[in-house]
């Protein structure tokens, strides 16, 4: 398992786990927590938009689309 600091290092179909939030993402933290992106949550990459923004992930039985800025505030670990 390796730490992936950015979603752009992941490919469609990869699985990852949220390990926390970085300091730069304080503005998005409450919003991401409300959407179910809590530490320990497993998710898969469903797809990337043609220009890489937004990113669609699947977690807890639903799909969620995140902007690059929102996704960059998450600390993730590839599993």
Foldseek 3Di string as FASTA:
>chain_A
DFWDLFPVVDDAFWKKFFQFFDPVQPVCVVVCVVVVRDGGWMKGWHDAPPVRAWTWIDTPHDIDIDGRSNRNGTTMGTD
